[in-house]
Amino acid sequence: MPYKKPKIEKIFFTIGEVADMIGENSSLIRYWENQFDALKPNKNKKGNRLFSKSDIETVKLIHYLVKERGLTLKGAKQKLKENRNETINNYEIVKRLQSIKDELIGIRDGMDE
């Protein structure tokens, strides 16, 4: 049986990688870091930000609240502070529904061909 190289899963991501994930620029994420207590990525000796998967989920949640739901930063902070679990549940539901929508569009487009 041939040797299979194990898949290496990243633990930390750079700010540029995180910015690409959400389709925003790095400066916005740095700004959010200063505004939201919930967002505190690790920093290496050079001072580069290293985002864990938990940090990335927080960035995505902030992005959802501010960019998709249209909340102000103050409103988003309040939502995270007072109803974090409910906010996360709503975000997960929206992500799942978007995935289902994309799948249905793919099926529809496949039928059209």
PDB file of N, CA and C in Angstrom:
ATOM      1  N   MET A   1       0.851  -1.175   0.000  1.00  0.00           N
ATOM      2  CA  MET A   1       0.000   0.000   0.000  1.00  0.00           C
ATOM      3  C   MET A   1       0.898   1.239   0.000  1.00  0.00           C
ATOM      4  N   PRO A   2       0.673   2.170  -0.932  1.00  0.00           N
ATOM      5  CA  PRO A   2       1.537   3.349  -1.014  1.00  0.00           C
ATOM      6  C   PRO A   2       1.360   4.253   0.208  1.00  0.00           C
ATOM      7  N   TYR A   3       2.446   4.916   0.540  1.00  0.00           N
ATOM      8  CA  TYR A   3       2.443   5.833   1.683  1.00  0.00           C
ATOM      9  C   TYR A   3       1.652   7.072   1.332  1.00  0.00           C
ATOM     10  N   LYS A   4       0.712   7.413   2.192  1.00  0.00           N
ATOM     11  CA  LYS A   4      -0.072   8.633   1.996  1.00  0.00           C
ATOM     12  C   LYS A   4       0.463   9.704   2.922  1.00  0.00           C
ATOM     13  N   LYS A   5       0.828  10.813   2.341  1.00  0.00           N
ATOM     14  CA  LYS A   5       1.316  11.931   3.131  1.00  0.00           C
ATOM     15  C   LYS A   5       0.146  12.505   3.934  1.00  0.00           C
ATOM     16  N   PRO A   6       0.303  12.624   5.246  1.00  0.00           N
ATOM     17  CA  PRO A   6      -0.814  13.140   6.040  1.00  0.00           C
ATOM     18  C   PRO A   6      -1.110  14.599   5.692  1.00  0.00           C
ATOM     19  N   LYS A   7      -2.393  14.920   5.723  1.00  0.00           N
ATOM     20  CA  LYS A   7      -2.805  16.288   5.436  1.00  0.00           C
ATOM     21  C   LYS A   7      -2.465  17.147   6.651  1.00  0.00           C
ATOM     22  N   ILE A   8      -1.748  18.224   6.405  1.00  0.00           N
ATOM     23  CA  ILE A   8      -1.363  19.130   7.487  1.00  0.00           C
ATOM     24  C   ILE A   8      -2.396  20.245   7.552  1.00  0.00           C
ATOM     25  N   GLU A   9      -2.967  20.396   8.727  1.00  0.00           N
ATOM     26  CA  GLU A   9      -3.972  21.422   8.914  1.00  0.00           C
ATOM     27  C   GLU A   9      -3.344  22.615   9.624  1.00  0.00           C
ATOM     28  N   LYS A  10      -3.556  23.792   9.066  1.00  0.00           N
ATOM     29  CA  LYS A  10      -2.986  25.003   9.661  1.00  0.00           C
ATOM     30  C   LYS A  10      -3.675  25.318  10.978  1.00  0.00           C
ATOM     31  N   ILE A  11      -2.895  25.814  11.911  1.00  0.00           N
ATOM     32  CA  ILE A  11      -3.431  26.217  13.207  1.00  0.00           C
ATOM     33  C   ILE A  11      -3.639  27.726  13.229  1.00  0.00           C
ATOM     34  N   PHE A  12      -2.701  28.459  12.630  1.00  0.00           N
ATOM     35  CA  PHE A  12      -2.776  29.916  12.623  1.00  0.00           C
ATOM     36  C   PHE A  12      -2.750  30.447  11.192  1.00  0.00           C
ATOM     37  N   PHE A  13      -3.422  31.578  11.006  1.00  0.00           N
ATOM     38  CA  PHE A  13      -3.503  32.207   9.698  1.00  0.00           C
ATOM     39  C   PHE A  13      -3.074  33.662   9.824  1.00  0.00           C
ATOM     40  N   THR A  14      -2.484  34.201   8.771  1.00  0.00           N
ATOM     41  CA  THR A  14      -2.055  35.604   8.770  1.00  0.00           C
ATOM     42  C   THR A  14      -3.268  36.503   8.561  1.00  0.00           C
ATOM     43  N   ILE A  15      -3.081  37.772   8.830  1.00  0.00           N
ATOM     44  CA  ILE A  15      -4.172  38.726   8.648  1.00  0.00           C
ATOM     45  C   ILE A  15      -4.570  38.817   7.171  1.00  0.00           C
ATOM     46  N   GLY A  16      -3.604  38.673   6.272  1.00  0.00           N
ATOM     47  CA  GLY A  16      -3.900  38.696   4.833  1.00  0.00           C
ATOM     48  C   GLY A  16      -4.780  37.520   4.423  1.00  0.00           C
ATOM     49  N   GLU A  17      -4.492  36.342   4.981  1.00  0.00           N
ATOM     50  CA  GLU A  17      -5.302  35.161   4.674  1.00  0.00           C
ATOM     51  C   GLU A  17      -6.728  35.334   5.196  1.00  0.00           C
ATOM     52  N   VAL A  18      -6.845  35.889   6.392  1.00  0.00           N
ATOM     53  CA  VAL A  18      -8.171  36.111   6.977  1.00  0.00           C
ATOM     54  C   VAL A  18      -8.934  37.154   6.157  1.00  0.00           C
ATOM     55  N   ALA A  19      -8.256  38.211   5.746  1.00  0.00           N
ATOM     56  CA  ALA A  19      -8.887  39.249   4.925  1.00  0.00           C
ATOM     57  C   ALA A  19      -9.412  38.644   3.622  1.00  0.00           C
ATOM     58  N   ASP A  20      -8.625  37.764   3.004  1.00  0.00           N
ATOM     59  CA  ASP A  20      -9.066  37.105   1.765  1.00  0.00           C
ATOM     60  C   ASP A  20     -10.300  36.234   2.007  1.00  0.00           C
ATOM     61  N   MET A  21     -10.354  35.587   3.174  1.00  0.00           N
ATOM     62  CA  MET A  21     -11.483  34.708   3.494  1.00  0.00           C
ATOM     63  C   MET A  21     -12.806  35.465   3.523  1.00  0.00           C
ATOM     64  N   ILE A  22     -12.765  36.697   4.012  1.00  0.00           N
ATOM     65  CA  ILE A  22     -14.019  37.456   4.135  1.00  0.00           C
ATOM     66  C   ILE A  22     -14.184  38.503   3.036  1.00  0.00           C
ATOM     67  N   GLY A  23     -13.192  38.624   2.167  1.00  0.00           N
ATOM     68  CA  GLY A  23     -13.292  39.559   1.049  1.00  0.00           C
ATOM     69  C   GLY A  23     -13.160  41.018   1.458  1.00  0.00           C
ATOM     70  N   GLU A  24     -12.379  41.267   2.482  1.00  0.00           N
ATOM     71  CA  GLU A  24     -12.143  42.637   2.954  1.00  0.00           C
ATOM     72  C   GLU A  24     -10.640  42.876   2.983  1.00  0.00           C
ATOM     73  N   ASN A  25     -10.233  44.091   3.377  1.00  0.00           N
ATOM     74  CA  ASN A  25      -8.802  44.344   3.449  1.00  0.00           C
ATOM     75  C   ASN A  25      -8.293  44.212   4.886  1.00  0.00           C
ATOM     76  N   SER A  26      -6.994  44.058   5.006  1.00  0.00           N
ATOM     77  CA  SER A  26      -6.360  43.825   6.306  1.00  0.00           C
ATOM     78  C   SER A  26      -6.569  44.981   7.273  1.00  0.00           C
ATOM     79  N   SER A  27      -6.602  46.193   6.755  1.00  0.00           N
ATOM     80  CA  SER A  27      -6.742  47.353   7.638  1.00  0.00           C
ATOM     81  C   SER A  27      -8.091  47.341   8.363  1.00  0.00           C
ATOM     82  N   LEU A  28      -9.133  46.830   7.713  1.00  0.00           N
ATOM     83  CA  LEU A  28     -10.438  46.744   8.364  1.00  0.00           C
ATOM     84  C   LEU A  28     -10.380  45.764   9.534  1.00  0.00           C
ATOM     85  N   ILE A  29      -9.698  44.658   9.342  1.00  0.00           N
ATOM     86  CA  ILE A  29      -9.575  43.675  10.424  1.00  0.00           C
ATOM     87  C   ILE A  29      -8.760  44.257  11.586  1.00  0.00           C
ATOM     88  N   ARG A  30      -7.693  44.993  11.273  1.00  0.00           N
ATOM     89  CA  ARG A  30      -6.916  45.648  12.340  1.00  0.00           C
ATOM     90  C   ARG A  30      -7.795  46.643  13.096  1.00  0.00           C
ATOM     91  N   TYR A  31      -8.624  47.374  12.367  1.00  0.00           N
ATOM     92  CA  TYR A  31      -9.535  48.328  13.004  1.00  0.00           C
ATOM     93  C   TYR A  31     -10.511  47.597  13.926  1.00  0.00           C
ATOM     94  N   TRP A  32     -11.103  46.511  13.420  1.00  0.00           N
ATOM     95  CA  TRP A  32     -12.031  45.738  14.242  1.00  0.00           C
ATOM     96  C   TRP A  32     -11.337  45.193  15.484  1.00  0.00           C
ATOM     97  N   GLU A  33     -10.080  44.830  15.359  1.00  0.00           N
ATOM     98  CA  GLU A  33      -9.328  44.317  16.505  1.00  0.00           C
ATOM     99  C   GLU A  33      -9.294  45.366  17.626  1.00  0.00           C
ATOM    100  N   ASN A  34      -9.147  46.635  17.244  1.00  0.00           N
ATOM    101  CA  ASN A  34      -9.127  47.716  18.234  1.00  0.00           C
ATOM    102  C   ASN A  34     -10.512  48.005  18.800  1.00  0.00           C
ATOM    103  N   GLN A  35     -11.542  47.686  18.052  1.00  0.00           N
ATOM    104  CA  GLN A  35     -12.910  48.016  18.451  1.00  0.00           C
ATOM    105  C   GLN A  35     -13.617  46.918  19.252  1.00  0.00           C
ATOM    106  N   PHE A  36     -13.263  45.667  19.005  1.00  0.00           N
ATOM    107  CA  PHE A  36     -13.971  44.531  19.609  1.00  0.00           C
ATOM    108  C   PHE A  36     -13.062  43.782  20.577  1.00  0.00           C
ATOM    109  N   ASP A  37     -13.480  43.723  21.838  1.00  0.00           N
ATOM    110  CA  ASP A  37     -12.721  42.979  22.849  1.00  0.00           C
ATOM    111  C   ASP A  37     -12.653  41.491  22.526  1.00  0.00           C
ATOM    112  N   ALA A  38     -13.662  40.987  21.820  1.00  0.00           N
ATOM    113  CA  ALA A  38     -13.725  39.560  21.499  1.00  0.00           C
ATOM    114  C   ALA A  38     -12.661  39.147  20.480  1.00  0.00           C
ATOM    115  N   LEU A  39     -12.058  40.104  19.806  1.00  0.00           N
ATOM    116  CA  LEU A  39     -11.084  39.803  18.758  1.00  0.00           C
ATOM    117  C   LEU A  39      -9.676  40.169  19.228  1.00  0.00           C
ATOM    118  N   LYS A  40      -8.943  39.179  19.671  1.00  0.00           N
ATOM    119  CA  LYS A  40      -7.575  39.383  20.155  1.00  0.00           C
ATOM    120  C   LYS A  40      -6.671  38.267  19.616  1.00  0.00           C
ATOM    121  N   PRO A  41      -6.214  38.400  18.361  1.00  0.00           N
ATOM    122  CA  PRO A  41      -5.337  37.358  17.810  1.00  0.00           C
ATOM    123  C   PRO A  41      -3.978  37.356  18.510  1.00  0.00           C
ATOM    124  N   ASN A  42      -3.307  36.221  18.445  1.00  0.00           N
ATOM    125  CA  ASN A  42      -1.943  36.121  18.976  1.00  0.00           C
ATOM    126  C   ASN A  42      -1.011  36.934  18.085  1.00  0.00           C
ATOM    127  N   LYS A  43       0.127  37.294  18.627  1.00  0.00           N
ATOM    128  CA  LYS A  43       1.146  37.981  17.826  1.00  0.00           C
ATOM    129  C   LYS A  43       2.470  37.264  18.034  1.00  0.00           C
ATOM    130  N   ASN A  44       3.250  37.150  16.937  1.00  0.00           N
ATOM    131  CA  ASN A  44       4.559  36.520  17.050  1.00  0.00           C
ATOM    132  C   ASN A  44       5.587  37.554  17.503  1.00  0.00           C
ATOM    133  N   LYS A  45       6.852  37.155  17.567  1.00  0.00           N
ATOM    134  CA  LYS A  45       7.900  38.060  18.053  1.00  0.00           C
ATOM    135  C   LYS A  45       8.040  39.308  17.196  1.00  0.00           C
ATOM    136  N   LYS A  46       7.723  39.183  15.905  1.00  0.00           N
ATOM    137  CA  LYS A  46       7.804  40.336  14.997  1.00  0.00           C
ATOM    138  C   LYS A  46       6.581  41.241  15.122  1.00  0.00           C
ATOM    139  N   GLY A  47       5.561  40.778  15.840  1.00  0.00           N
ATOM    140  CA  GLY A  47       4.338  41.559  15.977  1.00  0.00           C
ATOM    141  C   GLY A  47       3.276  41.236  14.936  1.00  0.00           C
ATOM    142  N   ASN A  48       3.535  40.215  14.109  1.00  0.00           N
ATOM    143  CA  ASN A  48       2.547  39.810  13.115  1.00  0.00           C
ATOM    144  C   ASN A  48       1.380  39.110  13.800  1.00  0.00           C
ATOM    145  N   ARG A  49       0.182  39.422  13.368  1.00  0.00           N
ATOM    146  CA  ARG A  49      -1.009  38.802  13.936  1.00  0.00           C
ATOM    147  C   ARG A  49      -1.147  37.377  13.420  1.00  0.00           C
ATOM    148  N   LEU A  50      -1.484  36.481  14.340  1.00  0.00           N
ATOM    149  CA  LEU A  50      -1.716  35.082  13.995  1.00  0.00           C
ATOM    150  C   LEU A  50      -3.110  34.710  14.493  1.00  0.00           C
ATOM    151  N   PHE A  51      -4.001  34.453  13.548  1.00  0.00           N
ATOM    152  CA  PHE A  51      -5.397  34.190  13.867  1.00  0.00           C
ATOM    153  C   PHE A  51      -5.665  32.699  13.973  1.00  0.00           C
ATOM    154  N   SER A  52      -6.272  32.287  15.083  1.00  0.00           N
ATOM    155  CA  SER A  52      -6.690  30.901  15.269  1.00  0.00           C
ATOM    156  C   SER A  52      -8.033  30.716  14.560  1.00  0.00           C
ATOM    157  N   LYS A  53      -8.502  29.485  14.491  1.00  0.00           N
ATOM    158  CA  LYS A  53      -9.812  29.238  13.876  1.00  0.00           C
ATOM    159  C   LYS A  53     -10.914  29.936  14.659  1.00  0.00           C
ATOM    160  N   SER A  54     -10.760  30.012  15.966  1.00  0.00           N
ATOM    161  CA  SER A  54     -11.731  30.720  16.805  1.00  0.00           C
ATOM    162  C   SER A  54     -11.733  32.219  16.475  1.00  0.00           C
ATOM    163  N   ASP A  55     -10.535  32.786  16.298  1.00  0.00           N
ATOM    164  CA  ASP A  55     -10.433  34.203  15.915  1.00  0.00           C
ATOM    165  C   ASP A  55     -11.100  34.441  14.562  1.00  0.00           C
ATOM    166  N   ILE A  56     -10.903  33.517  13.639  1.00  0.00           N
ATOM    167  CA  ILE A  56     -11.483  33.653  12.297  1.00  0.00           C
ATOM    168  C   ILE A  56     -13.008  33.616  12.374  1.00  0.00           C
ATOM    169  N   GLU A  57     -13.551  32.739  13.218  1.00  0.00           N
ATOM    170  CA  GLU A  57     -15.004  32.689  13.385  1.00  0.00           C
ATOM    171  C   GLU A  57     -15.518  34.010  13.958  1.00  0.00           C
ATOM    172  N   THR A  58     -14.762  34.611  14.875  1.00  0.00           N
ATOM    173  CA  THR A  58     -15.145  35.908  15.435  1.00  0.00           C
ATOM    174  C   THR A  58     -15.127  36.980  14.349  1.00  0.00           C
ATOM    175  N   VAL A  59     -14.101  36.979  13.501  1.00  0.00           N
ATOM    176  CA  VAL A  59     -14.024  37.941  12.394  1.00  0.00           C
ATOM    177  C   VAL A  59     -15.220  37.752  11.460  1.00  0.00           C
ATOM    178  N   LYS A  60     -15.528  36.506  11.138  1.00  0.00           N
ATOM    179  CA  LYS A  60     -16.662  36.229  10.246  1.00  0.00           C
ATOM    180  C   LYS A  60     -17.974  36.685  10.875  1.00  0.00           C
ATOM    181  N   LEU A  61     -18.102  36.502  12.182  1.00  0.00           N
ATOM    182  CA  LEU A  61     -19.308  36.916  12.883  1.00  0.00           C
ATOM    183  C   LEU A  61     -19.435  38.445  12.871  1.00  0.00           C
ATOM    184  N   ILE A  62     -18.343  39.139  13.124  1.00  0.00           N
ATOM    185  CA  ILE A  62     -18.347  40.612  13.071  1.00  0.00           C
ATOM    186  C   ILE A  62     -18.692  41.071  11.656  1.00  0.00           C
ATOM    187  N   HIS A  63     -18.093  40.434  10.665  1.00  0.00           N
ATOM    188  CA  HIS A  63     -18.372  40.766   9.260  1.00  0.00           C
ATOM    189  C   HIS A  63     -19.855  40.579   8.951  1.00  0.00           C
ATOM    190  N   TYR A  64     -20.419  39.485   9.416  1.00  0.00           N
ATOM    191  CA  TYR A  64     -21.844  39.209   9.210  1.00  0.00           C
ATOM    192  C   TYR A  64     -22.701  40.308   9.838  1.00  0.00           C
ATOM    193  N   LEU A  65     -22.390  40.668  11.079  1.00  0.00           N
ATOM    194  CA  LEU A  65     -23.195  41.673  11.779  1.00  0.00           C
ATOM    195  C   LEU A  65     -23.084  43.053  11.143  1.00  0.00           C
ATOM    196  N   VAL A  66     -21.858  43.445  10.784  1.00  0.00           N
ATOM    197  CA  VAL A  66     -21.633  44.807  10.290  1.00  0.00           C
ATOM    198  C   VAL A  66     -21.938  44.933   8.797  1.00  0.00           C
ATOM    199  N   LYS A  67     -21.431  44.019   8.010  1.00  0.00           N
ATOM    200  CA  LYS A  67     -21.542  44.151   6.553  1.00  0.00           C
ATOM    201  C   LYS A  67     -22.832  43.553   5.983  1.00  0.00           C
ATOM    202  N   GLU A  68     -23.299  42.436   6.553  1.00  0.00           N
ATOM    203  CA  GLU A  68     -24.486  41.787   5.997  1.00  0.00           C
ATOM    204  C   GLU A  68     -25.774  42.216   6.696  1.00  0.00           C
ATOM    205  N   ARG A  69     -25.726  42.325   8.013  1.00  0.00           N
ATOM    206  CA  ARG A  69     -26.925  42.749   8.757  1.00  0.00           C
ATOM    207  C   ARG A  69     -27.026  44.263   8.843  1.00  0.00           C
ATOM    208  N   GLY A  70     -25.924  44.973   8.591  1.00  0.00           N
ATOM    209  CA  GLY A  70     -25.944  46.429   8.578  1.00  0.00           C
ATOM    210  C   GLY A  70     -25.926  47.086   9.947  1.00  0.00           C
ATOM    211  N   LEU A  71     -25.472  46.360  10.965  1.00  0.00           N
ATOM    212  CA  LEU A  71     -25.397  46.956  12.297  1.00  0.00           C
ATOM    213  C   LEU A  71     -24.232  47.944  12.374  1.00  0.00           C
ATOM    214  N   THR A  72     -24.366  48.918  13.251  1.00  0.00           N
ATOM    215  CA  THR A  72     -23.244  49.804  13.536  1.00  0.00           C
ATOM    216  C   THR A  72     -22.241  49.025  14.382  1.00  0.00           C
ATOM    217  N   LEU A  73     -21.038  49.558  14.525  1.00  0.00           N
ATOM    218  CA  LEU A  73     -20.054  48.883  15.378  1.00  0.00           C
ATOM    219  C   LEU A  73     -20.577  48.788  16.802  1.00  0.00           C
ATOM    220  N   LYS A  74     -21.212  49.853  17.268  1.00  0.00           N
ATOM    221  CA  LYS A  74     -21.777  49.846  18.618  1.00  0.00           C
ATOM    222  C   LYS A  74     -22.839  48.750  18.750  1.00  0.00           C
ATOM    223  N   GLY A  75     -23.696  48.632  17.747  1.00  0.00           N
ATOM    224  CA  GLY A  75     -24.738  47.602  17.759  1.00  0.00           C
ATOM    225  C   GLY A  75     -24.149  46.204  17.719  1.00  0.00           C
ATOM    226  N   ALA A  76     -23.119  46.021  16.909  1.00  0.00           N
ATOM    227  CA  ALA A  76     -22.469  44.716  16.806  1.00  0.00           C
ATOM    228  C   ALA A  76     -21.786  44.344  18.123  1.00  0.00           C
ATOM    229  N   LYS A  77     -21.135  45.326  18.754  1.00  0.00           N
ATOM    230  CA  LYS A  77     -20.496  45.072  20.057  1.00  0.00           C
ATOM    231  C   LYS A  77     -21.525  44.644  21.078  1.00  0.00           C
ATOM    232  N   GLN A  78     -22.655  45.345  21.083  1.00  0.00           N
ATOM    233  CA  GLN A  78     -23.720  45.037  22.037  1.00  0.00           C
ATOM    234  C   GLN A  78     -24.275  43.639  21.784  1.00  0.00           C
ATOM    235  N   LYS A  79     -24.472  43.290  20.531  1.00  0.00           N
ATOM    236  CA  LYS A  79     -24.984  41.965  20.157  1.00  0.00           C
ATOM    237  C   LYS A  79     -24.035  40.872  20.637  1.00  0.00           C
ATOM    238  N   LEU A  80     -22.739  41.075  20.415  1.00  0.00           N
ATOM    239  CA  LEU A  80     -21.749  40.083  20.843  1.00  0.00           C
ATOM    240  C   LEU A  80     -21.670  39.980  22.364  1.00  0.00           C
ATOM    241  N   LYS A  81     -21.845  41.097  23.022  1.00  0.00           N
ATOM    242  CA  LYS A  81     -21.734  41.117  24.480  1.00  0.00           C
ATOM    243  C   LYS A  81     -22.964  40.500  25.152  1.00  0.00           C
ATOM    244  N   GLU A  82     -24.147  40.873  24.680  1.00  0.00           N
ATOM    245  CA  GLU A  82     -25.376  40.464  25.343  1.00  0.00           C
ATOM    246  C   GLU A  82     -25.930  39.130  24.856  1.00  0.00           C
ATOM    247  N   ASN A  83     -25.854  38.882  23.568  1.00  0.00           N
ATOM    248  CA  ASN A  83     -26.494  37.691  22.991  1.00  0.00           C
ATOM    249  C   ASN A  83     -25.540  36.907  22.105  1.00  0.00           C
ATOM    250  N   ARG A  84     -24.324  36.677  22.567  1.00  0.00           N
ATOM    251  CA  ARG A  84     -23.323  36.031  21.715  1.00  0.00           C
ATOM    252  C   ARG A  84     -23.797  34.675  21.190  1.00  0.00           C
ATOM    253  N   ASN A  85     -24.313  33.824  22.056  1.00  0.00           N
ATOM    254  CA  ASN A  85     -24.734  32.484  21.618  1.00  0.00           C
ATOM    255  C   ASN A  85     -25.880  32.549  20.625  1.00  0.00           C
ATOM    256  N   GLU A  86     -26.851  33.410  20.879  1.00  0.00           N
ATOM    257  CA  GLU A  86     -27.977  33.565  19.955  1.00  0.00           C
ATOM    258  C   GLU A  86     -27.491  34.118  18.619  1.00  0.00           C
ATOM    259  N   THR A  87     -26.576  35.063  18.669  1.00  0.00           N
ATOM    260  CA  THR A  87     -26.016  35.653  17.450  1.00  0.00           C
ATOM    261  C   THR A  87     -25.263  34.599  16.642  1.00  0.00           C
ATOM    262  N   ILE A  88     -24.476  33.777  17.323  1.00  0.00           N
ATOM    263  CA  ILE A  88     -23.741  32.706  16.639  1.00  0.00           C
ATOM    264  C   ILE A  88     -24.720  31.724  16.011  1.00  0.00           C
ATOM    265  N   ASN A  89     -25.782  31.352  16.742  1.00  0.00           N
ATOM    266  CA  ASN A  89     -26.783  30.424  16.188  1.00  0.00           C
ATOM    267  C   ASN A  89     -27.436  31.001  14.940  1.00  0.00           C
ATOM    268  N   ASN A  90     -27.804  32.278  14.987  1.00  0.00           N
ATOM    269  CA  ASN A  90     -28.412  32.920  13.817  1.00  0.00           C
ATOM    270  C   ASN A  90     -27.445  32.939  12.638  1.00  0.00           C
ATOM    271  N   TYR A  91     -26.185  33.233  12.914  1.00  0.00           N
ATOM    272  CA  TYR A  91     -25.158  33.264  11.875  1.00  0.00           C
ATOM    273  C   TYR A  91     -25.005  31.879  11.236  1.00  0.00           C
ATOM    274  N   GLU A  92     -24.992  30.840  12.071  1.00  0.00           N
ATOM    275  CA  GLU A  92     -24.867  29.466  11.557  1.00  0.00           C
ATOM    276  C   GLU A  92     -26.064  29.098  10.682  1.00  0.00           C
ATOM    277  N   ILE A  93     -27.246  29.515  11.096  1.00  0.00           N
ATOM    278  CA  ILE A  93     -28.455  29.238  10.307  1.00  0.00           C
ATOM    279  C   ILE A  93     -28.370  29.935   8.960  1.00  0.00           C
ATOM    280  N   VAL A  94     -27.954  31.182   8.948  1.00  0.00           N
ATOM    281  CA  VAL A  94     -27.827  31.937   7.696  1.00  0.00           C
ATOM    282  C   VAL A  94     -26.803  31.263   6.779  1.00  0.00           C
ATOM    283  N   LYS A  95     -25.657  30.836   7.350  1.00  0.00           N
ATOM    284  CA  LYS A  95     -24.639  30.152   6.536  1.00  0.00           C
ATOM    285  C   LYS A  95     -25.201  28.873   5.926  1.00  0.00           C
ATOM    286  N   ARG A  96     -25.938  28.095   6.709  1.00  0.00           N
ATOM    287  CA  ARG A  96     -26.497  26.838   6.226  1.00  0.00           C
ATOM    288  C   ARG A  96     -27.535  27.096   5.130  1.00  0.00           C
ATOM    289  N   LEU A  97     -28.381  28.093   5.343  1.00  0.00           N
ATOM    290  CA  LEU A  97     -29.391  28.426   4.330  1.00  0.00           C
ATOM    291  C   LEU A  97     -28.738  28.891   3.029  1.00  0.00           C
ATOM    292  N   GLN A  98     -27.654  29.656   3.146  1.00  0.00           N
ATOM    293  CA  GLN A  98     -26.940  30.104   1.952  1.00  0.00           C
ATOM    294  C   GLN A  98     -26.356  28.904   1.210  1.00  0.00           C
ATOM    295  N   SER A  99     -25.848  27.942   1.948  1.00  0.00           N
ATOM    296  CA  SER A  99     -25.294  26.724   1.348  1.00  0.00           C
ATOM    297  C   SER A  99     -26.388  25.947   0.610  1.00  0.00           C
ATOM    298  N   ILE A 100     -27.549  25.840   1.219  1.00  0.00           N
ATOM    299  CA  ILE A 100     -28.681  25.143   0.584  1.00  0.00           C
ATOM    300  C   ILE A 100     -29.110  25.889  -0.674  1.00  0.00           C
ATOM    301  N   LYS A 101     -29.183  27.212  -0.589  1.00  0.00           N
ATOM    302  CA  LYS A 101     -29.558  28.024  -1.750  1.00  0.00           C
ATOM    303  C   LYS A 101     -28.575  27.795  -2.901  1.00  0.00           C
ATOM    304  N   ASP A 102     -27.274  27.832  -2.584  1.00  0.00           N
ATOM    305  CA  ASP A 102     -26.258  27.614  -3.617  1.00  0.00           C
ATOM    306  C   ASP A 102     -26.402  26.232  -4.251  1.00  0.00           C
ATOM    307  N   GLU A 103     -26.703  25.237  -3.417  1.00  0.00           N
ATOM    308  CA  GLU A 103     -26.870  23.866  -3.921  1.00  0.00           C
ATOM    309  C   GLU A 103     -28.090  23.786  -4.838  1.00  0.00           C
ATOM    310  N   LEU A 104     -29.175  24.413  -4.445  1.00  0.00           N
ATOM    311  CA  LEU A 104     -30.389  24.412  -5.273  1.00  0.00           C
ATOM    312  C   LEU A 104     -30.170  25.148  -6.590  1.00  0.00           C
ATOM    313  N   ILE A 105     -29.452  26.250  -6.567  1.00  0.00           N
ATOM    314  CA  ILE A 105     -29.140  26.976  -7.803  1.00  0.00           C
ATOM    315  C   ILE A 105     -28.302  26.100  -8.718  1.00  0.00           C
ATOM    316  N   GLY A 106     -27.351  25.363  -8.133  1.00  0.00           N
ATOM    317  CA  GLY A 106     -26.540  24.439  -8.930  1.00  0.00           C
ATOM    318  C   GLY A 106     -27.380  23.363  -9.583  1.00  0.00           C
ATOM    319  N   ILE A 107     -28.331  22.821  -8.847  1.00  0.00           N
ATOM    320  CA  ILE A 107     -29.236  21.795  -9.399  1.00  0.00           C
ATOM    321  C   ILE A 107     -30.076  22.386 -10.515  1.00  0.00           C
ATOM    322  N   ARG A 108     -30.633  23.578 -10.275  1.00  0.00           N
ATOM    323  CA  ARG A 108     -31.461  24.252 -11.299  1.00  0.00           C
ATOM    324  C   ARG A 108     -30.651  24.490 -12.567  1.00  0.00           C
ATOM    325  N   ASP A 109     -29.423  25.017 -12.379  1.00  0.00           N
ATOM    326  CA  ASP A 109     -28.579  25.295 -13.539  1.00  0.00           C
ATOM    327  C   ASP A 109     -28.206  24.015 -14.276  1.00  0.00           C
ATOM    328  N   GLY A 110     -28.044  22.931 -13.546  1.00  0.00           N
ATOM    329  CA  GLY A 110     -27.742  21.642 -14.170  1.00  0.00           C
ATOM    330  C   GLY A 110     -28.897  21.123 -14.986  1.00  0.00           C
ATOM    331  N   MET A 111     -30.116  21.418 -14.539  1.00  0.00           N
ATOM    332  CA  MET A 111     -31.311  20.979 -15.266  1.00  0.00           C
ATOM    333  C   MET A 111     -31.515  21.785 -16.548  1.00  0.00           C
ATOM    334  N   ASP A 112     -31.065  23.037 -16.540  1.00  0.00           N
ATOM    335  CA  ASP A 112     -31.221  23.905 -17.698  1.00  0.00           C
ATOM    336  C   ASP A 112     -30.327  23.487 -18.853  1.00  0.00           C
ATOM    337  N   GLU A 113     -29.257  22.781 -18.533  1.00  0.00           N
ATOM    338  CA  GLU A 113     -28.285  22.435 -19.595  1.00  0.00           C
ATOM    339  C   GLU A 113     -28.731  21.301 -20.456  1.00  0.00           C
TER     340      GLU A 113
END
